[in-house]
Every structure is written in C-alpha cells, then in structure tokens.
Amino acid sequence: RFNAMMRKIGGVSHRMLTLTLRGLEREGLLTRTAYPTIPPKVEYELTD
C-alpha cells in the first residue's frame, strides 16, 4: 500500500511517490489495484 511504501522508502514526499508510481504504471511496470472498501484500499504490485 502507498503509506507502507512511503515508510519503507523514507525521505520521499507524497507528491514524488505519487508521480513515480503513476509513471511506473504508465510504462507497464506496476499495477494499481483499488479495492471498494471503506476506507478505500489501494495496492501497488510489480508486473512481470
């Protein structure tokens, strides 16, 4: 999940991590899966 990644990486801003993840998704390097829960749950996972 996003916040777990922020903690693991350390030193990255919310905005920079968001831009990085969007770029990786755009290039087909990861997938973003949003689960319809309350609160919303979003997971990121590397593609092949």
ModelCIF file with pLDDT and N, C-alpha, C, O atoms, coordinates in Angstrom:
data_MODEL
#
_entry.id   MODEL 
#
_entity.id                         1 
_entity.type                       polymer 
_entity.pdbx_number_of_molecules   1 
#
_entity_poly.entity_id                      1 
_entity_poly.type                           'polypeptide(L)' 
_entity_poly.nstd_linkage                   no 
_entity_poly.nstd_monomer                   no 
_entity_poly.pdbx_seq_one_letter_code       RFNAMMRKIGGVSHRMLTLTLRGLEREGLLTRTAYPTIPPKVEYELTD 
_entity_poly.pdbx_seq_one_letter_code_can   RFNAMMRKIGGVSHRMLTLTLRGLEREGLLTRTAYPTIPPKVEYELTD 
_entity_poly.pdbx_strand_id                 A 
#
loop_
_entity_poly_seq.entity_id 
_entity_poly_seq.num 
_entity_poly_seq.mon_id 
_entity_poly_seq.hetero 
1 1  ARG n 
1 2  PHE n 
1 3  ASN n 
1 4  ALA n 
1 5  MET n 
1 6  MET n 
1 7  ARG n 
1 8  LYS n 
1 9  ILE n 
1 10 GLY n 
1 11 GLY n 
1 12 VAL n 
1 13 SER n 
1 14 HIS n 
1 15 ARG n 
1 16 MET n 
1 17 LEU n 
1 18 THR n 
1 19 LEU n 
1 20 THR n 
1 21 LEU n 
1 22 ARG n 
1 23 GLY n 
1 24 LEU n 
1 25 GLU n 
1 26 ARG n 
1 27 GLU n 
1 28 GLY n 
1 29 LEU n 
1 30 LEU n 
1 31 THR n 
1 32 ARG n 
1 33 THR n 
1 34 ALA n 
1 35 TYR n 
1 36 PRO n 
1 37 THR n 
1 38 ILE n 
1 39 PRO n 
1 40 PRO n 
1 41 LYS n 
1 42 VAL n 
1 43 GLU n 
1 44 TYR n 
1 45 GLU n 
1 46 LEU n 
1 47 THR n 
1 48 ASP n 
#
_struct_asym.id          A 
_struct_asym.entity_id   1 
#
loop_
_ma_qa_metric.id 
_ma_qa_metric.mode 
_ma_qa_metric.name 
_ma_qa_metric.software_group_id 
_ma_qa_metric.type 
1 global pLDDT . pLDDT 
2 local  pLDDT . pLDDT 
#
_ma_qa_metric_global.metric_id      1 
_ma_qa_metric_global.metric_value   95.35 
_ma_qa_metric_global.model_id       1 
_ma_qa_metric_global.ordinal_id     1 
#
loop_
_ma_qa_metric_local.label_asym_id 
_ma_qa_metric_local.label_comp_id 
_ma_qa_metric_local.label_seq_id 
_ma_qa_metric_local.metric_id 
_ma_qa_metric_local.metric_value 
_ma_qa_metric_local.model_id 
_ma_qa_metric_local.ordinal_id 
A ARG 1  2 96.00 1 1  
A PHE 2  2 96.00 1 2  
A ASN 3  2 95.00 1 3  
A ALA 4  2 97.00 1 4  
A MET 5  2 96.00 1 5  
A MET 6  2 95.00 1 6  
A ARG 7  2 96.00 1 7  
A LYS 8  2 96.00 1 8  
A ILE 9  2 95.00 1 9  
A GLY 10 2 93.00 1 10 
A GLY 11 2 94.00 1 11 
A VAL 12 2 96.00 1 12 
A SER 13 2 96.00 1 13 
A HIS 14 2 95.00 1 14 
A ARG 15 2 97.00 1 15 
A MET 16 2 96.00 1 16 
A LEU 17 2 97.00 1 17 
A THR 18 2 96.00 1 18 
A LEU 19 2 96.00 1 19 
A THR 20 2 96.00 1 20 
A LEU 21 2 97.00 1 21 
A ARG 22 2 96.00 1 22 
A GLY 23 2 94.00 1 23 
A LEU 24 2 96.00 1 24 
A GLU 25 2 97.00 1 25 
A ARG 26 2 95.00 1 26 
A GLU 27 2 93.00 1 27 
A GLY 28 2 96.00 1 28 
A LEU 29 2 96.00 1 29 
A LEU 30 2 97.00 1 30 
A THR 31 2 98.00 1 31 
A ARG 32 2 97.00 1 32 
A THR 33 2 97.00 1 33 
A ALA 34 2 95.00 1 34 
A TYR 35 2 93.00 1 35 
A PRO 36 2 92.00 1 36 
A THR 37 2 92.00 1 37 
A ILE 38 2 91.00 1 38 
A PRO 39 2 88.00 1 39 
A PRO 40 2 88.00 1 40 
A LYS 41 2 93.00 1 41 
A VAL 42 2 95.00 1 42 
A GLU 43 2 97.00 1 43 
A TYR 44 2 98.00 1 44 
A GLU 45 2 98.00 1 45 
A LEU 46 2 98.00 1 46 
A THR 47 2 98.00 1 47 
A ASP 48 2 98.00 1 48 
#
loop_
_atom_site.group_PDB 
_atom_site.id 
_atom_site.type_symbol 
_atom_site.label_atom_id 
_atom_site.label_alt_id 
_atom_site.label_comp_id 
_atom_site.label_asym_id 
_atom_site.label_entity_id 
_atom_site.label_seq_id 
_atom_site.pdbx_PDB_ins_code 
_atom_site.Cartn_x 
_atom_site.Cartn_y 
_atom_site.Cartn_z 
_atom_site.occupancy 
_atom_site.B_iso_or_equiv 
_atom_site.pdbx_formal_charge 
_atom_site.auth_seq_id 
_atom_site.auth_comp_id 
_atom_site.auth_asym_id 
_atom_site.auth_atom_id 
_atom_site.pdbx_PDB_model_num 
ATOM 1   N N  . ARG A 1 1  ? 0.849   -1.179 0.000   1.00 96.00 ? 1  ARG A N  1 
ATOM 2   C CA . ARG A 1 1  ? 0.000   0.000  0.000   1.00 96.00 ? 1  ARG A CA 1 
ATOM 3   C C  . ARG A 1 1  ? 0.892   1.238  0.000   1.00 96.00 ? 1  ARG A C  1 
ATOM 4   O O  . ARG A 1 1  ? 2.073   1.175  0.342   1.00 96.00 ? 1  ARG A O  1 
ATOM 5   N N  . PHE A 1 2  ? 0.302   2.357  -0.389  1.00 96.00 ? 2  PHE A N  1 
ATOM 6   C CA . PHE A 1 2  ? 1.040   3.607  -0.564  1.00 96.00 ? 2  PHE A CA 1 
ATOM 7   C C  . PHE A 1 2  ? 1.802   4.011  0.701   1.00 96.00 ? 2  PHE A C  1 
ATOM 8   O O  . PHE A 1 2  ? 3.008   4.253  0.648   1.00 96.00 ? 2  PHE A O  1 
ATOM 9   N N  . ASN A 1 3  ? 1.105   4.084  1.831   1.00 95.00 ? 3  ASN A N  1 
ATOM 10  C CA . ASN A 1 3  ? 1.768   4.544  3.065   1.00 95.00 ? 3  ASN A CA 1 
ATOM 11  C C  . ASN A 1 3  ? 2.860   3.586  3.531   1.00 95.00 ? 3  ASN A C  1 
ATOM 12  O O  . ASN A 1 3  ? 3.867   4.015  4.096   1.00 95.00 ? 3  ASN A O  1 
ATOM 13  N N  . ALA A 1 4  ? 2.665   2.308  3.298   1.00 97.00 ? 4  ALA A N  1 
ATOM 14  C CA . ALA A 1 4  ? 3.715   1.342  3.640   1.00 97.00 ? 4  ALA A CA 1 
ATOM 15  C C  . ALA A 1 4  ? 4.950   1.589  2.780   1.00 97.00 ? 4  ALA A C  1 
ATOM 16  O O  . ALA A 1 4  ? 6.079   1.471  3.256   1.00 97.00 ? 4  ALA A O  1 
ATOM 17  N N  . MET A 1 5  ? 4.729   1.931  1.511   1.00 96.00 ? 5  MET A N  1 
ATOM 18  C CA . MET A 1 5  ? 5.860   2.248  0.641   1.00 96.00 ? 5  MET A CA 1 
ATOM 19  C C  . MET A 1 5  ? 6.566   3.512  1.104   1.00 96.00 ? 5  MET A C  1 
ATOM 20  O O  . MET A 1 5  ? 7.796   3.568  1.108   1.00 96.00 ? 5  MET A O  1 
ATOM 21  N N  . MET A 1 6  ? 5.813   4.517  1.489   1.00 95.00 ? 6  MET A N  1 
ATOM 22  C CA . MET A 1 6  ? 6.428   5.760  1.978   1.00 95.00 ? 6  MET A CA 1 
ATOM 23  C C  . MET A 1 6  ? 7.312   5.476  3.182   1.00 95.00 ? 6  MET A C  1 
ATOM 24  O O  . MET A 1 6  ? 8.424   5.996  3.279   1.00 95.00 ? 6  MET A O  1 
ATOM 25  N N  . ARG A 1 7  ? 6.817   4.650  4.099   1.00 96.00 ? 7  ARG A N  1 
ATOM 26  C CA . ARG A 1 7  ? 7.621   4.317  5.287   1.00 96.00 ? 7  ARG A CA 1 
ATOM 27  C C  . ARG A 1 7  ? 8.862   3.511  4.909   1.00 96.00 ? 7  ARG A C  1 
ATOM 28  O O  . ARG A 1 7  ? 9.951   3.755  5.429   1.00 96.00 ? 7  ARG A O  1 
ATOM 29  N N  . LYS A 1 8  ? 8.691   2.562  4.011   1.00 96.00 ? 8  LYS A N  1 
ATOM 30  C CA . LYS A 1 8  ? 9.812   1.696  3.622   1.00 96.00 ? 8  LYS A CA 1 
ATOM 31  C C  . LYS A 1 8  ? 10.892  2.483  2.887   1.00 96.00 ? 8  LYS A C  1 
ATOM 32  O O  . LYS A 1 8  ? 12.082  2.303  3.147   1.00 96.00 ? 8  LYS A O  1 
ATOM 33  N N  . ILE A 1 9  ? 10.480  3.350  1.974   1.00 95.00 ? 9  ILE A N  1 
ATOM 34  C CA . ILE A 1 9  ? 11.437  4.124  1.183   1.00 95.00 ? 9  ILE A CA 1 
ATOM 35  C C  . ILE A 1 9  ? 12.084  5.207  2.035   1.00 95.00 ? 9  ILE A C  1 
ATOM 36  O O  . ILE A 1 9  ? 13.305  5.360  2.017   1.00 95.00 ? 9  ILE A O  1 
ATOM 37  N N  . GLY A 1 10 ? 11.297  5.945  2.767   1.00 93.00 ? 10 GLY A N  1 
ATOM 38  C CA . GLY A 1 10 ? 11.837  7.005  3.623   1.00 93.00 ? 10 GLY A CA 1 
ATOM 39  C C  . GLY A 1 10 ? 12.381  8.178  2.816   1.00 93.00 ? 10 GLY A C  1 
ATOM 40  O O  . GLY A 1 10 ? 13.107  7.981  1.841   1.00 93.00 ? 10 GLY A O  1 
ATOM 41  N N  . GLY A 1 11 ? 12.037  9.381  3.214   1.00 94.00 ? 11 GLY A N  1 
ATOM 42  C CA . GLY A 1 11 ? 12.572  10.572 2.580   1.00 94.00 ? 11 GLY A CA 1 
ATOM 43  C C  . GLY A 1 11 ? 11.867  11.014 1.308   1.00 94.00 ? 11 GLY A C  1 
ATOM 44  O O  . GLY A 1 11 ? 12.171  12.083 0.778   1.00 94.00 ? 11 GLY A O  1 
ATOM 45  N N  . VAL A 1 12 ? 10.947  10.228 0.816   1.00 96.00 ? 12 VAL A N  1 
ATOM 46  C CA . VAL A 1 12 ? 10.216  10.595 -0.397  1.00 96.00 ? 12 VAL A CA 1 
ATOM 47  C C  . VAL A 1 12 ? 8.954   11.352 0.002   1.00 96.00 ? 12 VAL A C  1 
ATOM 48  O O  . VAL A 1 12 ? 8.268   10.980 0.954   1.00 96.00 ? 12 VAL A O  1 
ATOM 49  N N  . SER A 1 13 ? 8.659   12.410 -0.734  1.00 96.00 ? 13 SER A N  1 
ATOM 50  C CA . SER A 1 13 ? 7.436   13.157 -0.455  1.00 96.00 ? 13 SER A CA 1 
ATOM 51  C C  . SER A 1 13 ? 6.238   12.411 -1.037  1.00 96.00 ? 13 SER A C  1 
ATOM 52  O O  . SER A 1 13 ? 6.376   11.574 -1.929  1.00 96.00 ? 13 SER A O  1 
ATOM 53  N N  . HIS A 1 14 ? 5.077   12.733 -0.516  1.00 95.00 ? 14 HIS A N  1 
ATOM 54  C CA . HIS A 1 14 ? 3.829   12.146 -1.003  1.00 95.00 ? 14 HIS A CA 1 
ATOM 55  C C  . HIS A 1 14 ? 3.692   12.395 -2.498  1.00 95.00 ? 14 HIS A C  1 
ATOM 56  O O  . HIS A 1 14 ? 3.375   11.485 -3.263  1.00 95.00 ? 14 HIS A O  1 
ATOM 57  N N  . ARG A 1 15 ? 3.932   13.626 -2.903  1.00 97.00 ? 15 ARG A N  1 
ATOM 58  C CA . ARG A 1 15 ? 3.808   14.006 -4.319  1.00 97.00 ? 15 ARG A CA 1 
ATOM 59  C C  . ARG A 1 15 ? 4.797   13.232 -5.188  1.00 97.00 ? 15 ARG A C  1 
ATOM 60  O O  . ARG A 1 15 ? 4.421   12.725 -6.245  1.00 97.00 ? 15 ARG A O  1 
ATOM 61  N N  . MET A 1 16 ? 6.052   13.134 -4.759  1.00 96.00 ? 16 MET A N  1 
ATOM 62  C CA . MET A 1 16 ? 7.061   12.458 -5.575  1.00 96.00 ? 16 MET A CA 1 
ATOM 63  C C  . MET A 1 16 ? 6.760   10.966 -5.710  1.00 96.00 ? 16 MET A C  1 
ATOM 64  O O  . MET A 1 16 ? 6.939   10.392 -6.784  1.00 96.00 ? 16 MET A O  1 
ATOM 65  N N  . LEU A 1 17 ? 6.308   10.340 -4.631  1.00 97.00 ? 17 LEU A N  1 
ATOM 66  C CA . LEU A 1 17 ? 5.960   8.928  -4.718  1.00 97.00 ? 17 LEU A CA 1 
ATOM 67  C C  . LEU A 1 17 ? 4.754   8.732  -5.640  1.00 97.00 ? 17 LEU A C  1 
ATOM 68  O O  . LEU A 1 17 ? 4.715   7.784  -6.425  1.00 97.00 ? 17 LEU A O  1 
ATOM 69  N N  . THR A 1 18 ? 3.785   9.621  -5.541  1.00 96.00 ? 18 THR A N  1 
ATOM 70  C CA . THR A 1 18 ? 2.616   9.554  -6.418  1.00 96.00 ? 18 THR A CA 1 
ATOM 71  C C  . THR A 1 18 ? 3.034   9.659  -7.878  1.00 96.00 ? 18 THR A C  1 
ATOM 72  O O  . THR A 1 18 ? 2.593   8.863  -8.707  1.00 96.00 ? 18 THR A O  1 
ATOM 73  N N  . LEU A 1 19 ? 3.885   10.636 -8.202  1.00 96.00 ? 19 LEU A N  1 
ATOM 74  C CA . LEU A 1 19 ? 4.344   10.817 -9.579  1.00 96.00 ? 19 LEU A CA 1 
ATOM 75  C C  . LEU A 1 19 ? 5.157   9.612  -10.053 1.00 96.00 ? 19 LEU A C  1 
ATOM 76  O O  . LEU A 1 19 ? 5.025   9.179  -11.198 1.00 96.00 ? 19 LEU A O  1 
ATOM 77  N N  . THR A 1 20 ? 5.982   9.082  -9.181  1.00 96.00 ? 20 THR A N  1 
ATOM 78  C CA . THR A 1 20 ? 6.798   7.916  -9.527  1.00 96.00 ? 20 THR A CA 1 
ATOM 79  C C  . THR A 1 20 ? 5.920   6.713  -9.830  1.00 96.00 ? 20 THR A C  1 
ATOM 80  O O  . THR A 1 20 ? 6.117   6.028  -10.833 1.00 96.00 ? 20 THR A O  1 
ATOM 81  N N  . LEU A 1 21 ? 4.950   6.459  -8.960  1.00 97.00 ? 21 LEU A N  1 
ATOM 82  C CA . LEU A 1 21 ? 4.070   5.306  -9.153  1.00 97.00 ? 21 LEU A CA 1 
ATOM 83  C C  . LEU A 1 21 ? 3.225   5.458  -10.419 1.00 97.00 ? 21 LEU A C  1 
ATOM 84  O O  . LEU A 1 21 ? 3.017   4.484  -11.143 1.00 97.00 ? 21 LEU A O  1 
ATOM 85  N N  . ARG A 1 22 ? 2.741   6.661  -10.691 1.00 96.00 ? 22 ARG A N  1 
ATOM 86  C CA . ARG A 1 22 ? 1.980   6.892  -11.920 1.00 96.00 ? 22 ARG A CA 1 
ATOM 87  C C  . ARG A 1 22 ? 2.842   6.635  -13.150 1.00 96.00 ? 22 ARG A C  1 
ATOM 88  O O  . ARG A 1 22 ? 2.393   6.020  -14.117 1.00 96.00 ? 22 ARG A O  1 
ATOM 89  N N  . GLY A 1 23 ? 4.075   7.108  -13.105 1.00 94.00 ? 23 GLY A N  1 
ATOM 90  C CA . GLY A 1 23 ? 4.987   6.883  -14.224 1.00 94.00 ? 23 GLY A CA 1 
ATOM 91  C C  . GLY A 1 23 ? 5.263   5.405  -14.443 1.00 94.00 ? 23 GLY A C  1 
ATOM 92  O O  . GLY A 1 23 ? 5.283   4.933  -15.580 1.00 94.00 ? 23 GLY A O  1 
ATOM 93  N N  . LEU A 1 24 ? 5.474   4.676  -13.356 1.00 96.00 ? 24 LEU A N  1 
ATOM 94  C CA . LEU A 1 24 ? 5.723   3.237  -13.463 1.00 96.00 ? 24 LEU A CA 1 
ATOM 95  C C  . LEU A 1 24 ? 4.497   2.496  -13.986 1.00 96.00 ? 24 LEU A C  1 
ATOM 96  O O  . LEU A 1 24 ? 4.617   1.545  -14.758 1.00 96.00 ? 24 LEU A O  1 
ATOM 97  N N  . GLU A 1 25 ? 3.326   2.936  -13.563 1.00 97.00 ? 25 GLU A N  1 
ATOM 98  C CA . GLU A 1 25 ? 2.091   2.324  -14.064 1.00 97.00 ? 25 GLU A CA 1 
ATOM 99  C C  . GLU A 1 25 ? 1.930   2.616  -15.556 1.00 97.00 ? 25 GLU A C  1 
ATOM 100 O O  . GLU A 1 25 ? 1.553   1.738  -16.332 1.00 97.00 ? 25 GLU A O  1 
ATOM 101 N N  . ARG A 1 26 ? 2.215   3.836  -15.941 1.00 95.00 ? 26 ARG A N  1 
ATOM 102 C CA . ARG A 1 26 ? 2.100   4.235  -17.351 1.00 95.00 ? 26 ARG A CA 1 
ATOM 103 C C  . ARG A 1 26 ? 3.018   3.406  -18.239 1.00 95.00 ? 26 ARG A C  1 
ATOM 104 O O  . ARG A 1 26 ? 2.655   3.069  -19.366 1.00 95.00 ? 26 ARG A O  1 
ATOM 105 N N  . GLU A 1 27 ? 4.193   3.078  -17.742 1.00 93.00 ? 27 GLU A N  1 
ATOM 106 C CA . GLU A 1 27 ? 5.170   2.303  -18.514 1.00 93.00 ? 27 GLU A CA 1 
ATOM 107 C C  . GLU A 1 27 ? 4.917   0.799  -18.444 1.00 93.00 ? 27 GLU A C  1 
ATOM 108 O O  . GLU A 1 27 ? 5.640   0.018  -19.062 1.00 93.00 ? 27 GLU A O  1 
ATOM 109 N N  . GLY A 1 28 ? 3.898   0.395  -17.696 1.00 96.00 ? 28 GLY A N  1 
ATOM 110 C CA . GLY A 1 28 ? 3.567   -1.016 -17.605 1.00 96.00 ? 28 GLY A CA 1 
ATOM 111 C C  . GLY A 1 28 ? 4.425   -1.789 -16.618 1.00 96.00 ? 28 GLY A C  1 
ATOM 112 O O  . GLY A 1 28 ? 4.497   -3.016 -16.680 1.00 96.00 ? 28 GLY A O  1 
ATOM 113 N N  . LEU A 1 29 ? 5.080   -1.068 -15.702 1.00 96.00 ? 29 LEU A N  1 
ATOM 114 C CA . LEU A 1 29 ? 5.974   -1.720 -14.750 1.00 96.00 ? 29 LEU A CA 1 
ATOM 115 C C  . LEU A 1 29 ? 5.276   -2.102 -13.444 1.00 96.00 ? 29 LEU A C  1 
ATOM 116 O O  . LEU A 1 29 ? 5.780   -2.938 -12.693 1.00 96.00 ? 29 LEU A O  1 
ATOM 117 N N  . LEU A 1 30 ? 4.133   -1.502 -13.175 1.00 97.00 ? 30 LEU A N  1 
ATOM 118 C CA . LEU A 1 30 ? 3.364   -1.888 -11.995 1.00 97.00 ? 30 LEU A CA 1 
ATOM 119 C C  . LEU A 1 30 ? 1.889   -1.728 -12.264 1.00 97.00 ? 30 LEU A C  1 
ATOM 120 O O  . LEU A 1 30 ? 1.467   -1.055 -13.204 1.00 97.00 ? 30 LEU A O  1 
ATOM 121 N N  . THR A 1 31 ? 1.117   -2.372 -11.404 1.00 98.00 ? 31 THR A N  1 
ATOM 122 C CA . THR A 1 31 ? -0.336  -2.221 -11.464 1.00 98.00 ? 31 THR A CA 1 
ATOM 123 C C  . THR A 1 31 ? -0.808  -1.579 -10.170 1.00 98.00 ? 31 THR A C  1 
ATOM 124 O O  . THR A 1 31 ? -0.214  -1.747 -9.105  1.00 98.00 ? 31 THR A O  1 
ATOM 125 N N  . ARG A 1 32 ? -1.885  -0.846 -10.304 1.00 97.00 ? 32 ARG A N  1 
ATOM 126 C CA . ARG A 1 32 ? -2.534  -0.201 -9.156  1.00 97.00 ? 32 ARG A CA 1 
ATOM 127 C C  . ARG A 1 32 ? -3.909  -0.816 -9.047  1.00 97.00 ? 32 ARG A C  1 
ATOM 128 O O  . ARG A 1 32 ? -4.703  -0.752 -9.985  1.00 97.00 ? 32 ARG A O  1 
ATOM 129 N N  . THR A 1 33 ? -4.192  -1.415 -7.895  1.00 97.00 ? 33 THR A N  1 
ATOM 130 C CA . THR A 1 33 ? -5.490  -2.042 -7.685  1.00 97.00 ? 33 THR A CA 1 
ATOM 131 C C  . THR A 1 33 ? -6.191  -1.335 -6.539  1.00 97.00 ? 33 THR A C  1 
ATOM 132 O O  . THR A 1 33 ? -5.692  -1.295 -5.414  1.00 97.00 ? 33 THR A O  1 
ATOM 133 N N  . ALA A 1 34 ? -7.371  -0.770 -6.847  1.00 95.00 ? 34 ALA A N  1 
ATOM 134 C CA . ALA A 1 34 ? -8.182  -0.101 -5.831  1.00 95.00 ? 34 ALA A CA 1 
ATOM 135 C C  . ALA A 1 34 ? -9.304  -1.049 -5.415  1.00 95.00 ? 34 ALA A C  1 
ATOM 136 O O  . ALA A 1 34 ? -10.036 -1.570 -6.257  1.00 95.00 ? 34 ALA A O  1 
ATOM 137 N N  . TYR A 1 35 ? -9.429  -1.262 -4.116  1.00 93.00 ? 35 TYR A N  1 
ATOM 138 C CA . TYR A 1 35 ? -10.470 -2.142 -3.579  1.00 93.00 ? 35 TYR A CA 1 
ATOM 139 C C  . TYR A 1 35 ? -11.608 -1.281 -3.040  1.00 93.00 ? 35 TYR A C  1 
ATOM 140 O O  . TYR A 1 35 ? -11.365 -0.279 -2.368  1.00 93.00 ? 35 TYR A O  1 
ATOM 141 N N  . PRO A 1 36 ? -12.849 -1.666 -3.332  1.00 92.00 ? 36 PRO A N  1 
ATOM 142 C CA . PRO A 1 36 ? -14.003 -0.854 -2.910  1.00 92.00 ? 36 PRO A CA 1 
ATOM 143 C C  . PRO A 1 36 ? -14.360 -1.075 -1.437  1.00 92.00 ? 36 PRO A C  1 
ATOM 144 O O  . PRO A 1 36 ? -15.419 -1.608 -1.108  1.00 92.00 ? 36 PRO A O  1 
ATOM 145 N N  . THR A 1 37 ? -13.464 -0.659 -0.582  1.00 92.00 ? 37 THR A N  1 
ATOM 146 C CA . THR A 1 37 ? -13.695 -0.783 0.859   1.00 92.00 ? 37 THR A CA 1 
ATOM 147 C C  . THR A 1 37 ? -13.776 0.601  1.464   1.00 92.00 ? 37 THR A C  1 
ATOM 148 O O  . THR A 1 37 ? -13.487 1.601  0.807   1.00 92.00 ? 37 THR A O  1 
ATOM 149 N N  . ILE A 1 38 ? -14.171 0.647  2.720   1.00 91.00 ? 38 ILE A N  1 
ATOM 150 C CA . ILE A 1 38 ? -14.198 1.914  3.447   1.00 91.00 ? 38 ILE A CA 1 
ATOM 151 C C  . ILE A 1 38 ? -13.295 1.744  4.656   1.00 91.00 ? 38 ILE A C  1 
ATOM 152 O O  . ILE A 1 38 ? -13.601 0.926  5.523   1.00 91.00 ? 38 ILE A O  1 
ATOM 153 N N  . PRO A 1 39 ? -12.202 2.478  4.750   1.00 88.00 ? 39 PRO A N  1 
ATOM 154 C CA . PRO A 1 39 ? -11.706 3.426  3.752   1.00 88.00 ? 39 PRO A CA 1 
ATOM 155 C C  . PRO A 1 39 ? -11.156 2.685  2.539   1.00 88.00 ? 39 PRO A C  1 
ATOM 156 O O  . PRO A 1 39 ? -10.864 1.492  2.617   1.00 88.00 ? 39 PRO A O  1 
ATOM 157 N N  . PRO A 1 40 ? -11.014 3.396  1.409   1.00 88.00 ? 40 PRO A N  1 
ATOM 158 C CA . PRO A 1 40 ? -10.511 2.750  0.200   1.00 88.00 ? 40 PRO A CA 1 
ATOM 159 C C  . PRO A 1 40 ? -9.120  2.152  0.422   1.00 88.00 ? 40 PRO A C  1 
ATOM 160 O O  . PRO A 1 40 ? -8.283  2.729  1.116   1.00 88.00 ? 40 PRO A O  1 
ATOM 161 N N  . LYS A 1 41 ? -8.900  1.012  -0.168  1.00 93.00 ? 41 LYS A N  1 
ATOM 162 C CA . LYS A 1 41 ? -7.606  0.339  -0.075  1.00 93.00 ? 41 LYS A CA 1 
ATOM 163 C C  . LYS A 1 41 ? -7.025  0.269  -1.487  1.00 93.00 ? 41 LYS A C  1 
ATOM 164 O O  . LYS A 1 41 ? -7.692  -0.172 -2.423  1.00 93.00 ? 41 LYS A O  1 
ATOM 165 N N  . VAL A 1 42 ? -5.770  0.712  -1.628  1.00 95.00 ? 42 VAL A N  1 
ATOM 166 C CA . VAL A 1 42 ? -5.091  0.676  -2.920  1.00 95.00 ? 42 VAL A CA 1 
ATOM 167 C C  . VAL A 1 42 ? -3.768  -0.041 -2.735  1.00 95.00 ? 42 VAL A C  1 
ATOM 168 O O  . VAL A 1 42 ? -3.002  0.268  -1.823  1.00 95.00 ? 42 VAL A O  1 
ATOM 169 N N  . GLU A 1 43 ? -3.509  -0.999 -3.606  1.00 97.00 ? 43 GLU A N  1 
ATOM 170 C CA . GLU A 1 43 ? -2.240  -1.723 -3.572  1.00 97.00 ? 43 GLU A CA 1 
ATOM 171 C C  . GLU A 1 43 ? -1.515  -1.548 -4.892  1.00 97.00 ? 43 GLU A C  1 
ATOM 172 O O  . GLU A 1 43 ? -2.126  -1.435 -5.955  1.00 97.00 ? 43 GLU A O  1 
ATOM 173 N N  . TYR A 1 44 ? -0.203  -1.530 -4.794  1.00 98.00 ? 44 TYR A N  1 
ATOM 174 C CA . TYR A 1 44 ? 0.663   -1.452 -5.961  1.00 98.00 ? 44 TYR A CA 1 
ATOM 175 C C  . TYR A 1 44 ? 1.464   -2.742 -6.025  1.00 98.00 ? 44 TYR A C  1 
ATOM 176 O O  . TYR A 1 44 ? 1.920   -3.263 -5.008  1.00 98.00 ? 44 TYR A O  1 
ATOM 177 N N  . GLU A 1 45 ? 1.625   -3.249 -7.254  1.00 98.00 ? 45 GLU A N  1 
ATOM 178 C CA . GLU A 1 45 ? 2.349   -4.500 -7.435  1.00 98.00 ? 45 GLU A CA 1 
ATOM 179 C C  . GLU A 1 45 ? 3.108   -4.442 -8.760  1.00 98.00 ? 45 GLU A C  1 
ATOM 180 O O  . GLU A 1 45 ? 2.591   -3.934 -9.755  1.00 98.00 ? 45 GLU A O  1 
ATOM 181 N N  . LEU A 1 46 ? 4.327   -4.959 -8.768  1.00 98.00 ? 46 LEU A N  1 
ATOM 182 C CA . LEU A 1 46 ? 5.095   -5.016 -9.998  1.00 98.00 ? 46 LEU A CA 1 
ATOM 183 C C  . LEU A 1 46 ? 4.452   -5.994 -10.976 1.00 98.00 ? 46 LEU A C  1 
ATOM 184 O O  . LEU A 1 46 ? 3.963   -7.054 -10.586 1.00 98.00 ? 46 LEU A O  1 
ATOM 185 N N  . THR A 1 47 ? 4.463   -5.623 -12.235 1.00 98.00 ? 47 THR A N  1 
ATOM 186 C CA . THR A 1 47 ? 4.038   -6.535 -13.295 1.00 98.00 ? 47 THR A CA 1 
ATOM 187 C C  . THR A 1 47 ? 5.216   -7.462 -13.611 1.00 98.00 ? 47 THR A C  1 
ATOM 188 O O  . THR A 1 47 ? 6.292   -7.314 -13.033 1.00 98.00 ? 47 THR A O  1 
ATOM 189 N N  . ASP A 1 48 ? 5.022   -8.394 -14.504 1.00 98.00 ? 48 ASP A N  1 
ATOM 190 C CA . ASP A 1 48 ? 6.138   -9.243 -14.947 1.00 98.00 ? 48 ASP A CA 1 
ATOM 191 C C  . ASP A 1 48 ? 7.263   -8.381 -15.508 1.00 98.00 ? 48 ASP A C  1 
ATOM 192 O O  . ASP A 1 48 ? 8.291   -8.908 -15.933 1.00 98.00 ? 48 ASP A O  1 
#
